[in-house]
Amino acid sequence: MIYNNFNSSAVKSVEILDNLVKVVYNSDINKEYTFSCQNVDEFQDQLSAELIDVELNNGKGSVGRFLFQQISNGRLVESK
């Protein structure tokens, strides 16, 4: 599943595969970052909730902040 139709100053797209999450940032749309994710279903549910907050424009939702928190908490681990 590819998410790319959302408003974010930091993130262009998020693609969710089997145990991987691929992110393209607006700072370099030609580079894709790949992260391993142990619980893709949970991640997808949380991302969907974040996107709803962004869509509702209630000031709470931020895809960039959400991804940063997921990386900081070790839920997303960059694959090199």
N, C-alpha and C. Protein backbone atom coordinates (compact mmCIF):
# COMPACT_ATOMS: atom_id res chain seq x y z
N MET A 1 0.85 -1.17 0.00
CA MET A 1 0.00 0.00 0.00
C MET A 1 0.90 1.23 0.00
N ILE A 2 0.59 2.18 -0.87
CA ILE A 2 1.35 3.43 -0.95
C ILE A 2 0.46 4.58 -0.50
N TYR A 3 0.99 5.36 0.43
CA TYR A 3 0.32 6.58 0.88
C TYR A 3 1.12 7.76 0.32
N ASN A 4 0.48 8.55 -0.53
CA ASN A 4 1.18 9.71 -1.09
C ASN A 4 0.26 10.89 -1.34
N ASN A 5 -0.97 10.77 -0.93
CA ASN A 5 -1.92 11.86 -1.16
C ASN A 5 -2.29 12.49 0.19
N PHE A 6 -1.28 13.11 0.82
CA PHE A 6 -1.49 13.76 2.11
C PHE A 6 -0.63 15.02 2.16
N ASN A 7 -0.97 15.89 3.07
CA ASN A 7 -0.27 17.16 3.22
C ASN A 7 0.83 17.01 4.27
N SER A 8 2.08 17.12 3.84
CA SER A 8 3.22 17.05 4.75
C SER A 8 4.36 17.86 4.18
N SER A 9 4.97 18.68 5.01
CA SER A 9 6.12 19.45 4.55
C SER A 9 7.38 18.59 4.52
N ALA A 10 7.39 17.46 5.23
CA ALA A 10 8.59 16.63 5.33
C ALA A 10 8.54 15.36 4.49
N VAL A 11 7.36 14.76 4.35
CA VAL A 11 7.26 13.42 3.75
C VAL A 11 6.46 13.46 2.46
N LYS A 12 7.04 12.86 1.41
CA LYS A 12 6.36 12.78 0.12
C LYS A 12 5.48 11.54 0.03
N SER A 13 6.03 10.38 0.46
CA SER A 13 5.24 9.15 0.38
C SER A 13 5.73 8.12 1.39
N VAL A 14 4.81 7.21 1.72
CA VAL A 14 5.11 6.08 2.59
C VAL A 14 4.53 4.85 1.91
N GLU A 15 5.38 3.85 1.70
CA GLU A 15 4.93 2.59 1.09
C GLU A 15 5.11 1.48 2.11
N ILE A 16 4.08 0.68 2.30
CA ILE A 16 4.13 -0.41 3.27
C ILE A 16 4.08 -1.73 2.51
N LEU A 17 5.11 -2.55 2.76
CA LEU A 17 5.20 -3.88 2.16
C LEU A 17 5.16 -4.92 3.29
N ASP A 18 5.57 -6.15 3.01
CA ASP A 18 5.47 -7.23 4.00
C ASP A 18 6.01 -6.83 5.37
N ASN A 19 7.29 -6.72 5.53
CA ASN A 19 7.90 -6.29 6.78
C ASN A 19 8.76 -5.06 6.57
N LEU A 20 8.43 -4.29 5.54
CA LEU A 20 9.21 -3.10 5.20
C LEU A 20 8.32 -1.88 5.07
N VAL A 21 8.90 -0.74 5.39
CA VAL A 21 8.26 0.55 5.18
C VAL A 21 9.26 1.39 4.40
N LYS A 22 8.83 1.90 3.25
CA LYS A 22 9.69 2.74 2.42
C LYS A 22 9.18 4.17 2.47
N VAL A 23 10.09 5.10 2.74
CA VAL A 23 9.72 6.50 2.92
C VAL A 23 10.51 7.36 1.94
N VAL A 24 9.84 8.30 1.30
CA VAL A 24 10.49 9.30 0.47
C VAL A 24 10.20 10.65 1.11
N TYR A 25 11.28 11.37 1.42
CA TYR A 25 11.15 12.68 2.04
C TYR A 25 11.17 13.77 0.97
N ASN A 26 10.50 14.87 1.25
CA ASN A 26 10.46 15.99 0.31
C ASN A 26 11.83 16.61 0.08
N SER A 27 12.73 16.46 1.04
CA SER A 27 14.06 17.06 0.92
C SER A 27 14.88 16.42 -0.21
N ASP A 28 14.58 15.16 -0.57
CA ASP A 28 15.25 14.48 -1.68
C ASP A 28 14.31 13.42 -2.23
N ILE A 29 13.45 13.83 -3.15
CA ILE A 29 12.41 12.92 -3.66
C ILE A 29 12.98 11.78 -4.51
N ASN A 30 14.28 11.85 -4.84
CA ASN A 30 14.90 10.79 -5.63
C ASN A 30 15.52 9.70 -4.76
N LYS A 31 15.47 9.86 -3.43
CA LYS A 31 16.05 8.87 -2.52
C LYS A 31 14.95 8.25 -1.68
N GLU A 32 14.99 6.93 -1.61
CA GLU A 32 14.01 6.18 -0.83
C GLU A 32 14.70 5.53 0.36
N TYR A 33 14.12 5.70 1.53
CA TYR A 33 14.65 5.11 2.75
C TYR A 33 13.82 3.89 3.09
N THR A 34 14.49 2.78 3.37
CA THR A 34 13.80 1.53 3.66
C THR A 34 14.02 1.17 5.13
N PHE A 35 12.93 0.85 5.81
CA PHE A 35 12.96 0.50 7.22
C PHE A 35 12.33 -0.87 7.40
N SER A 36 12.91 -1.65 8.30
CA SER A 36 12.25 -2.90 8.67
C SER A 36 11.24 -2.58 9.77
N CYS A 37 10.15 -3.33 9.78
CA CYS A 37 9.07 -3.09 10.73
C CYS A 37 8.54 -4.45 11.18
N GLN A 38 8.61 -4.71 12.48
CA GLN A 38 8.19 -6.01 13.02
C GLN A 38 6.67 -6.18 13.01
N ASN A 39 5.94 -5.08 13.21
CA ASN A 39 4.48 -5.19 13.27
C ASN A 39 3.86 -4.21 12.27
N VAL A 40 3.82 -4.63 11.03
CA VAL A 40 3.36 -3.77 9.94
C VAL A 40 1.88 -3.41 10.10
N ASP A 41 1.07 -4.34 10.58
CA ASP A 41 -0.36 -4.06 10.76
C ASP A 41 -0.58 -2.94 11.77
N GLU A 42 0.12 -3.01 12.88
CA GLU A 42 0.00 -1.96 13.90
C GLU A 42 0.50 -0.62 13.35
N PHE A 43 1.64 -0.66 12.65
CA PHE A 43 2.18 0.56 12.05
C PHE A 43 1.16 1.18 11.09
N GLN A 44 0.57 0.35 10.25
CA GLN A 44 -0.39 0.85 9.26
C GLN A 44 -1.62 1.46 9.95
N ASP A 45 -2.09 0.82 11.02
CA ASP A 45 -3.23 1.37 11.76
C ASP A 45 -2.88 2.73 12.36
N GLN A 46 -1.69 2.84 12.95
CA GLN A 46 -1.27 4.10 13.57
C GLN A 46 -1.05 5.18 12.52
N LEU A 47 -0.47 4.81 11.37
CA LEU A 47 -0.28 5.77 10.29
C LEU A 47 -1.63 6.26 9.77
N SER A 48 -2.58 5.36 9.63
CA SER A 48 -3.93 5.75 9.18
C SER A 48 -4.56 6.75 10.13
N ALA A 49 -4.42 6.51 11.43
CA ALA A 49 -4.96 7.44 12.42
C ALA A 49 -4.28 8.80 12.31
N GLU A 50 -2.97 8.79 12.08
CA GLU A 50 -2.23 10.05 11.93
C GLU A 50 -2.69 10.80 10.68
N LEU A 51 -2.90 10.06 9.60
CA LEU A 51 -3.36 10.69 8.35
C LEU A 51 -4.76 11.28 8.51
N ILE A 52 -5.60 10.65 9.31
CA ILE A 52 -6.93 11.20 9.58
C ILE A 52 -6.79 12.52 10.33
N ASP A 53 -5.88 12.57 11.32
CA ASP A 53 -5.63 13.83 12.03
C ASP A 53 -5.13 14.91 11.09
N VAL A 54 -4.25 14.54 10.17
CA VAL A 54 -3.74 15.51 9.19
C VAL A 54 -4.89 16.00 8.31
N GLU A 55 -5.72 15.08 7.84
CA GLU A 55 -6.83 15.43 6.96
C GLU A 55 -7.85 16.32 7.66
N LEU A 56 -8.10 16.04 8.93
CA LEU A 56 -9.05 16.85 9.69
C LEU A 56 -8.49 18.24 10.01
N ASN A 57 -7.17 18.37 9.80
CA ASN A 57 -6.50 19.66 9.98
C ASN A 57 -6.72 20.21 11.39
N ASN A 58 -6.64 19.32 12.37
CA ASN A 58 -6.88 19.74 13.75
C ASN A 58 -5.60 20.19 14.46
N GLY A 59 -4.50 20.25 13.74
CA GLY A 59 -3.25 20.73 14.31
C GLY A 59 -2.46 19.67 15.06
N LYS A 60 -3.04 18.48 15.22
CA LYS A 60 -2.35 17.43 15.96
C LYS A 60 -1.56 16.50 15.04
N GLY A 61 -2.04 16.31 13.83
CA GLY A 61 -1.43 15.33 12.93
C GLY A 61 -0.19 15.84 12.22
N SER A 62 0.83 14.98 12.17
CA SER A 62 2.06 15.28 11.44
C SER A 62 2.71 13.96 11.04
N VAL A 63 2.78 13.72 9.75
CA VAL A 63 3.36 12.47 9.26
C VAL A 63 4.86 12.43 9.59
N GLY A 64 5.55 13.54 9.40
CA GLY A 64 6.97 13.60 9.71
C GLY A 64 7.25 13.32 11.17
N ARG A 65 6.50 13.93 12.06
CA ARG A 65 6.68 13.70 13.50
C ARG A 65 6.36 12.25 13.85
N PHE A 66 5.30 11.71 13.26
CA PHE A 66 4.93 10.32 13.50
C PHE A 66 6.07 9.38 13.11
N LEU A 67 6.64 9.57 11.91
CA LEU A 67 7.73 8.70 11.46
C LEU A 67 8.95 8.86 12.36
N PHE A 68 9.27 10.10 12.75
CA PHE A 68 10.39 10.35 13.65
C PHE A 68 10.21 9.58 14.96
N GLN A 69 8.99 9.61 15.51
CA GLN A 69 8.71 8.90 16.76
C GLN A 69 8.84 7.39 16.57
N GLN A 70 8.38 6.88 15.45
CA GLN A 70 8.47 5.44 15.17
C GLN A 70 9.94 5.01 15.08
N ILE A 71 10.77 5.83 14.45
CA ILE A 71 12.20 5.53 14.34
C ILE A 71 12.87 5.63 15.70
N SER A 72 12.56 6.69 16.45
CA SER A 72 13.15 6.90 17.77
C SER A 72 12.80 5.77 18.74
N ASN A 73 11.58 5.26 18.64
CA ASN A 73 11.13 4.18 19.52
C ASN A 73 11.59 2.80 19.08
N GLY A 74 12.27 2.73 17.93
CA GLY A 74 12.78 1.45 17.44
C GLY A 74 11.74 0.62 16.73
N ARG A 75 10.59 1.17 16.45
CA ARG A 75 9.55 0.43 15.72
C ARG A 75 9.89 0.35 14.23
N LEU A 76 10.62 1.35 13.75
CA LEU A 76 11.15 1.34 12.39
C LEU A 76 12.67 1.36 12.50
N VAL A 77 13.33 0.42 11.85
CA VAL A 77 14.80 0.34 11.88
C VAL A 77 15.29 0.42 10.44
N GLU A 78 16.12 1.42 10.18
CA GLU A 78 16.58 1.63 8.80
C GLU A 78 17.41 0.45 8.32
N SER A 79 17.11 0.00 7.11
CA SER A 79 17.86 -1.08 6.46
C SER A 79 18.90 -0.42 5.57
N LYS A 80 20.13 -0.87 5.69
CA LYS A 80 21.19 -0.26 4.86
C LYS A 80 21.78 -1.26 3.94
